[in-house]
Amino acid sequence: TDLDGNAVDPFTGDAPATVLVFVATT
């Protein structure tokens, strides 16, 4: 979800590449 609680599929659309970087505040 985004920070407002809306479901997000990062793989929709026609981007040539999708990058997920996993991070943590702490």
PDB file of all heavy atoms in Angstrom:
ATOM      1  N   THR A   1       0.843  -1.196   0.000  1.00  0.00           N
ATOM      2  CA  THR A   1       0.000   0.000   0.000  1.00  0.00           C
ATOM      3  C   THR A   1       0.876   1.243   0.000  1.00  0.00           C
ATOM      4  O   THR A   1       2.041   1.204   0.406  1.00  0.00           O
ATOM      5  CB  THR A   1      -0.923   0.049   1.235  1.00  0.00           C
ATOM      6  OG1 THR A   1      -0.121   0.116   2.410  1.00  0.00           O
ATOM      7  CG2 THR A   1      -1.839  -1.160   1.297  1.00  0.00           C
ATOM      8  N   ASP A   2       0.286   2.348  -0.449  1.00  0.00           N
ATOM      9  CA  ASP A   2       0.976   3.616  -0.297  1.00  0.00           C
ATOM     10  C   ASP A   2       0.787   4.084   1.144  1.00  0.00           C
ATOM     11  O   ASP A   2       0.186   3.371   1.959  1.00  0.00           O
ATOM     12  CB  ASP A   2       0.492   4.643  -1.327  1.00  0.00           C
ATOM     13  CG  ASP A   2      -0.973   5.033  -1.180  1.00  0.00           C
ATOM     14  OD1 ASP A   2      -1.584   4.788  -0.107  1.00  0.00           O
ATOM     15  OD2 ASP A   2      -1.516   5.611  -2.139  1.00  0.00           O
ATOM     16  N   LEU A   3       1.263   5.254   1.473  1.00  0.00           N
ATOM     17  CA  LEU A   3       1.212   5.704   2.853  1.00  0.00           C
ATOM     18  C   LEU A   3      -0.184   6.141   3.288  1.00  0.00           C
ATOM     19  O   LEU A   3      -0.412   6.385   4.469  1.00  0.00           O
ATOM     20  CB  LEU A   3       2.217   6.831   3.076  1.00  0.00           C
ATOM     21  CG  LEU A   3       3.674   6.429   2.848  1.00  0.00           C
ATOM     22  CD1 LEU A   3       4.610   7.578   3.153  1.00  0.00           C
ATOM     23  CD2 LEU A   3       4.035   5.197   3.650  1.00  0.00           C
ATOM     24  N   ASP A   4      -1.118   6.212   2.334  1.00  0.00           N
ATOM     25  CA  ASP A   4      -2.511   6.518   2.659  1.00  0.00           C
ATOM     26  C   ASP A   4      -3.362   5.256   2.756  1.00  0.00           C
ATOM     27  O   ASP A   4      -4.577   5.330   2.928  1.00  0.00           O
ATOM     28  CB  ASP A   4      -3.102   7.475   1.624  1.00  0.00           C
ATOM     29  CG  ASP A   4      -2.424   8.835   1.661  1.00  0.00           C
ATOM     30  OD1 ASP A   4      -2.109   9.311   2.780  1.00  0.00           O
ATOM     31  OD2 ASP A   4      -2.194   9.408   0.587  1.00  0.00           O
ATOM     32  N   GLY A   5      -2.742   4.084   2.605  1.00  0.00           N
ATOM     33  CA  GLY A   5      -3.453   2.816   2.722  1.00  0.00           C
ATOM     34  C   GLY A   5      -4.059   2.298   1.434  1.00  0.00           C
ATOM     35  O   GLY A   5      -4.762   1.291   1.440  1.00  0.00           O
ATOM     36  N   ASN A   6      -3.780   2.945   0.306  1.00  0.00           N
ATOM     37  CA  ASN A   6      -4.311   2.499  -0.978  1.00  0.00           C
ATOM     38  C   ASN A   6      -3.438   1.385  -1.547  1.00  0.00           C
ATOM     39  O   ASN A   6      -2.203   1.497  -1.555  1.00  0.00           O
ATOM     40  CB  ASN A   6      -4.346   3.670  -1.974  1.00  0.00           C
ATOM     41  CG  ASN A   6      -5.184   4.808  -1.469  1.00  0.00           C
ATOM     42  OD1 ASN A   6      -6.336   4.622  -1.088  1.00  0.00           O
ATOM     43  ND2 ASN A   6      -4.606   6.001  -1.439  1.00  0.00           N
ATOM     44  N   ALA A   7      -4.070   0.319  -2.036  1.00  0.00           N
ATOM     45  CA  ALA A   7      -3.329  -0.789  -2.641  1.00  0.00           C
ATOM     46  C   ALA A   7      -2.575  -0.297  -3.870  1.00  0.00           C
ATOM     47  O   ALA A   7      -3.090   0.502  -4.654  1.00  0.00           O
ATOM     48  CB  ALA A   7      -4.283  -1.913  -3.025  1.00  0.00           C
ATOM     49  N   VAL A   8      -1.341  -0.755  -4.009  1.00  0.00           N
ATOM     50  CA  VAL A   8      -0.482  -0.353  -5.129  1.00  0.00           C
ATOM     51  C   VAL A   8       0.158  -1.599  -5.721  1.00  0.00           C
ATOM     52  O   VAL A   8       0.711  -2.423  -4.995  1.00  0.00           O
ATOM     53  CB  VAL A   8       0.626   0.618  -4.665  1.00  0.00           C
ATOM     54  CG1 VAL A   8       1.577   0.943  -5.810  1.00  0.00           C
ATOM     55  CG2 VAL A   8       0.037   1.887  -4.080  1.00  0.00           C
ATOM     56  N   ASP A   9       0.083  -1.720  -7.037  1.00  0.00           N
ATOM     57  CA  ASP A   9       0.800  -2.773  -7.745  1.00  0.00           C
ATOM     58  C   ASP A   9       1.935  -2.101  -8.506  1.00  0.00           C
ATOM     59  O   ASP A   9       1.703  -1.450  -9.524  1.00  0.00           O
ATOM     60  CB  ASP A   9      -0.124  -3.510  -8.706  1.00  0.00           C
ATOM     61  CG  ASP A   9       0.578  -4.622  -9.462  1.00  0.00           C
ATOM     62  OD1 ASP A   9       1.817  -4.779  -9.315  1.00  0.00           O
ATOM     63  OD2 ASP A   9      -0.102  -5.342 -10.217  1.00  0.00           O
ATOM     64  N   PRO A  10       3.170  -2.223  -8.025  1.00  0.00           N
ATOM     65  CA  PRO A  10       4.278  -1.529  -8.681  1.00  0.00           C
ATOM     66  C   PRO A  10       4.611  -2.074 -10.073  1.00  0.00           C
ATOM     67  O   PRO A  10       5.412  -1.478 -10.792  1.00  0.00           O
ATOM     68  CB  PRO A  10       5.451  -1.739  -7.723  1.00  0.00           C
ATOM     69  CG  PRO A  10       5.103  -2.928  -6.924  1.00  0.00           C
ATOM     70  CD  PRO A  10       3.600  -2.964  -6.846  1.00  0.00           C
ATOM     71  N   PHE A  11       3.985  -3.166 -10.466  1.00  0.00           N
ATOM     72  CA  PHE A  11       4.313  -3.789 -11.739  1.00  0.00           C
ATOM     73  C   PHE A  11       3.339  -3.430 -12.858  1.00  0.00           C
ATOM     74  O   PHE A  11       3.463  -3.955 -13.956  1.00  0.00           O
ATOM     75  CB  PHE A  11       4.397  -5.307 -11.559  1.00  0.00           C
ATOM     76  CG  PHE A  11       5.381  -5.690 -10.493  1.00  0.00           C
ATOM     77  CD1 PHE A  11       4.948  -6.100  -9.252  1.00  0.00           C
ATOM     78  CD2 PHE A  11       6.746  -5.575 -10.713  1.00  0.00           C
ATOM     79  CE1 PHE A  11       5.845  -6.419  -8.241  1.00  0.00           C
ATOM     80  CE2 PHE A  11       7.658  -5.885  -9.717  1.00  0.00           C
ATOM     81  CZ  PHE A  11       7.206  -6.303  -8.481  1.00  0.00           C
ATOM     82  N   THR A  12       2.383  -2.550 -12.589  1.00  0.00           N
ATOM     83  CA  THR A  12       1.486  -2.106 -13.649  1.00  0.00           C
ATOM     84  C   THR A  12       2.166  -0.998 -14.442  1.00  0.00           C
ATOM     85  O   THR A  12       3.056  -0.318 -13.954  1.00  0.00           O
ATOM     86  CB  THR A  12       0.147  -1.597 -13.082  1.00  0.00           C
ATOM     87  OG1 THR A  12       0.402  -0.509 -12.197  1.00  0.00           O
ATOM     88  CG2 THR A  12      -0.599  -2.700 -12.362  1.00  0.00           C
ATOM     89  N   GLY A  13       1.744  -0.831 -15.666  1.00  0.00           N
ATOM     90  CA  GLY A  13       2.326   0.210 -16.508  1.00  0.00           C
ATOM     91  C   GLY A  13       3.387  -0.356 -17.422  1.00  0.00           C
ATOM     92  O   GLY A  13       3.603  -1.559 -17.496  1.00  0.00           O
ATOM     93  N   ASP A  14       4.052   0.551 -18.107  1.00  0.00           N
ATOM     94  CA  ASP A  14       4.994   0.115 -19.138  1.00  0.00           C
ATOM     95  C   ASP A  14       6.430   0.558 -18.864  1.00  0.00           C
ATOM     96  O   ASP A  14       7.196   0.797 -19.791  1.00  0.00           O
ATOM     97  CB  ASP A  14       4.530   0.609 -20.501  1.00  0.00           C
ATOM     98  CG  ASP A  14       4.390   2.125 -20.550  1.00  0.00           C
ATOM     99  OD1 ASP A  14       4.584   2.793 -19.512  1.00  0.00           O
ATOM    100  OD2 ASP A  14       4.095   2.645 -21.642  1.00  0.00           O
ATOM    101  N   ALA A  15       6.803   0.655 -17.624  1.00  0.00           N
ATOM    102  CA  ALA A  15       8.182   1.024 -17.291  1.00  0.00           C
ATOM    103  C   ALA A  15       9.143  -0.031 -17.840  1.00  0.00           C
ATOM    104  O   ALA A  15       8.859  -1.228 -17.759  1.00  0.00           O
ATOM    105  CB  ALA A  15       8.355   1.153 -15.774  1.00  0.00           C
ATOM    106  N   PRO A  16      10.282   0.383 -18.379  1.00  0.00           N
ATOM    107  CA  PRO A  16      11.244  -0.603 -18.880  1.00  0.00           C
ATOM    108  C   PRO A  16      11.871  -1.431 -17.764  1.00  0.00           C
ATOM    109  O   PRO A  16      12.347  -2.532 -18.014  1.00  0.00           O
ATOM    110  CB  PRO A  16      12.294   0.253 -19.588  1.00  0.00           C
ATOM    111  CG  PRO A  16      12.175   1.598 -18.971  1.00  0.00           C
ATOM    112  CD  PRO A  16      10.733   1.755 -18.572  1.00  0.00           C
ATOM    113  N   ALA A  17      11.838  -0.905 -16.540  1.00  0.00           N
ATOM    114  CA  ALA A  17      12.344  -1.646 -15.377  1.00  0.00           C
ATOM    115  C   ALA A  17      11.681  -1.080 -14.130  1.00  0.00           C
ATOM    116  O   ALA A  17      11.393   0.117 -14.042  1.00  0.00           O
ATOM    117  CB  ALA A  17      13.850  -1.538 -15.262  1.00  0.00           C
ATOM    118  N   THR A  18      11.411  -1.967 -13.190  1.00  0.00           N
ATOM    119  CA  THR A  18      10.883  -1.581 -11.888  1.00  0.00           C
ATOM    120  C   THR A  18      11.881  -2.028 -10.840  1.00  0.00           C
ATOM    121  O   THR A  18      12.335  -3.172 -10.860  1.00  0.00           O
ATOM    122  CB  THR A  18       9.514  -2.239 -11.633  1.00  0.00           C
ATOM    123  OG1 THR A  18       8.597  -1.802 -12.657  1.00  0.00           O
ATOM    124  CG2 THR A  18       8.959  -1.867 -10.268  1.00  0.00           C
ATOM    125  N   VAL A  19      12.222  -1.117  -9.944  1.00  0.00           N
ATOM    126  CA  VAL A  19      13.207  -1.397  -8.909  1.00  0.00           C
ATOM    127  C   VAL A  19      12.531  -1.236  -7.552  1.00  0.00           C
ATOM    128  O   VAL A  19      11.887  -0.225  -7.284  1.00  0.00           O
ATOM    129  CB  VAL A  19      14.416  -0.436  -9.011  1.00  0.00           C
ATOM    130  CG1 VAL A  19      15.424  -0.720  -7.909  1.00  0.00           C
ATOM    131  CG2 VAL A  19      15.059  -0.542 -10.383  1.00  0.00           C
ATOM    132  N   LEU A  20      12.675  -2.246  -6.717  1.00  0.00           N
ATOM    133  CA  LEU A  20      12.195  -2.195  -5.345  1.00  0.00           C
ATOM    134  C   LEU A  20      13.420  -2.162  -4.440  1.00  0.00           C
ATOM    135  O   LEU A  20      14.271  -3.050  -4.535  1.00  0.00           O
ATOM    136  CB  LEU A  20      11.348  -3.428  -5.009  1.00  0.00           C
ATOM    137  CG  LEU A  20      10.175  -3.743  -5.927  1.00  0.00           C
ATOM    138  CD1 LEU A  20       9.490  -5.026  -5.474  1.00  0.00           C
ATOM    139  CD2 LEU A  20       9.187  -2.584  -5.984  1.00  0.00           C
ATOM    140  N   VAL A  21      13.506  -1.134  -3.601  1.00  0.00           N
ATOM    141  CA  VAL A  21      14.589  -1.043  -2.632  1.00  0.00           C
ATOM    142  C   VAL A  21      13.961  -1.136  -1.256  1.00  0.00           C
ATOM    143  O   VAL A  21      13.175  -0.276  -0.864  1.00  0.00           O
ATOM    144  CB  VAL A  21      15.409   0.253  -2.771  1.00  0.00           C
ATOM    145  CG1 VAL A  21      16.524   0.289  -1.730  1.00  0.00           C
ATOM    146  CG2 VAL A  21      15.988   0.387  -4.177  1.00  0.00           C
ATOM    147  N   PHE A  22      14.270  -2.193  -0.543  1.00  0.00           N
ATOM    148  CA  PHE A  22      13.698  -2.454   0.774  1.00  0.00           C
ATOM    149  C   PHE A  22      14.532  -1.731   1.822  1.00  0.00           C
ATOM    150  O   PHE A  22      15.752  -1.911   1.881  1.00  0.00           O
ATOM    151  CB  PHE A  22      13.647  -3.962   1.026  1.00  0.00           C
ATOM    152  CG  PHE A  22      12.700  -4.650   0.088  1.00  0.00           C
ATOM    153  CD1 PHE A  22      13.090  -4.969  -1.207  1.00  0.00           C
ATOM    154  CD2 PHE A  22      11.405  -4.957   0.485  1.00  0.00           C
ATOM    155  CE1 PHE A  22      12.210  -5.583  -2.091  1.00  0.00           C
ATOM    156  CE2 PHE A  22      10.521  -5.563  -0.388  1.00  0.00           C
ATOM    157  CZ  PHE A  22      10.918  -5.872  -1.682  1.00  0.00           C
ATOM    158  N   VAL A  23      13.865  -0.897   2.620  1.00  0.00           N
ATOM    159  CA  VAL A  23      14.536  -0.096   3.640  1.00  0.00           C
ATOM    160  C   VAL A  23      13.727  -0.149   4.932  1.00  0.00           C
ATOM    161  O   VAL A  23      12.583  -0.598   4.935  1.00  0.00           O
ATOM    162  CB  VAL A  23      14.707   1.379   3.187  1.00  0.00           C
ATOM    163  CG1 VAL A  23      15.594   1.480   1.955  1.00  0.00           C
ATOM    164  CG2 VAL A  23      13.359   2.029   2.929  1.00  0.00           C
ATOM    165  N   ALA A  24      14.341   0.324   6.007  1.00  0.00           N
ATOM    166  CA  ALA A  24      13.644   0.416   7.293  1.00  0.00           C
ATOM    167  C   ALA A  24      14.082   1.695   7.994  1.00  0.00           C
ATOM    168  O   ALA A  24      15.257   2.088   7.899  1.00  0.00           O
ATOM    169  CB  ALA A  24      13.963  -0.798   8.167  1.00  0.00           C
ATOM    170  N   THR A  25      13.161   2.320   8.680  1.00  0.00           N
ATOM    171  CA  THR A  25      13.461   3.593   9.343  1.00  0.00           C
ATOM    172  C   THR A  25      14.536   3.437  10.406  1.00  0.00           C
ATOM    173  O   THR A  25      15.307   4.363  10.638  1.00  0.00           O
ATOM    174  CB  THR A  25      12.206   4.206   9.988  1.00  0.00           C
ATOM    175  OG1 THR A  25      11.701   3.306  10.979  1.00  0.00           O
ATOM    176  CG2 THR A  25      11.135   4.494   8.952  1.00  0.00           C
ATOM    177  N   THR A  26      14.608   2.284  11.048  1.00  0.00           N
ATOM    178  CA  THR A  26      15.537   2.088  12.158  1.00  0.00           C
ATOM    179  C   THR A  26      16.807   1.347  11.771  1.00  0.00           C
ATOM    180  O   THR A  26      17.612   1.023  12.638  1.00  0.00           O
ATOM    181  CB  THR A  26      14.847   1.318  13.302  1.00  0.00           C
ATOM    182  OG1 THR A  26      14.400   0.059  12.783  1.00  0.00           O
ATOM    183  CG2 THR A  26      13.668   2.103  13.865  1.00  0.00           C
TER     184      THR A  26
END
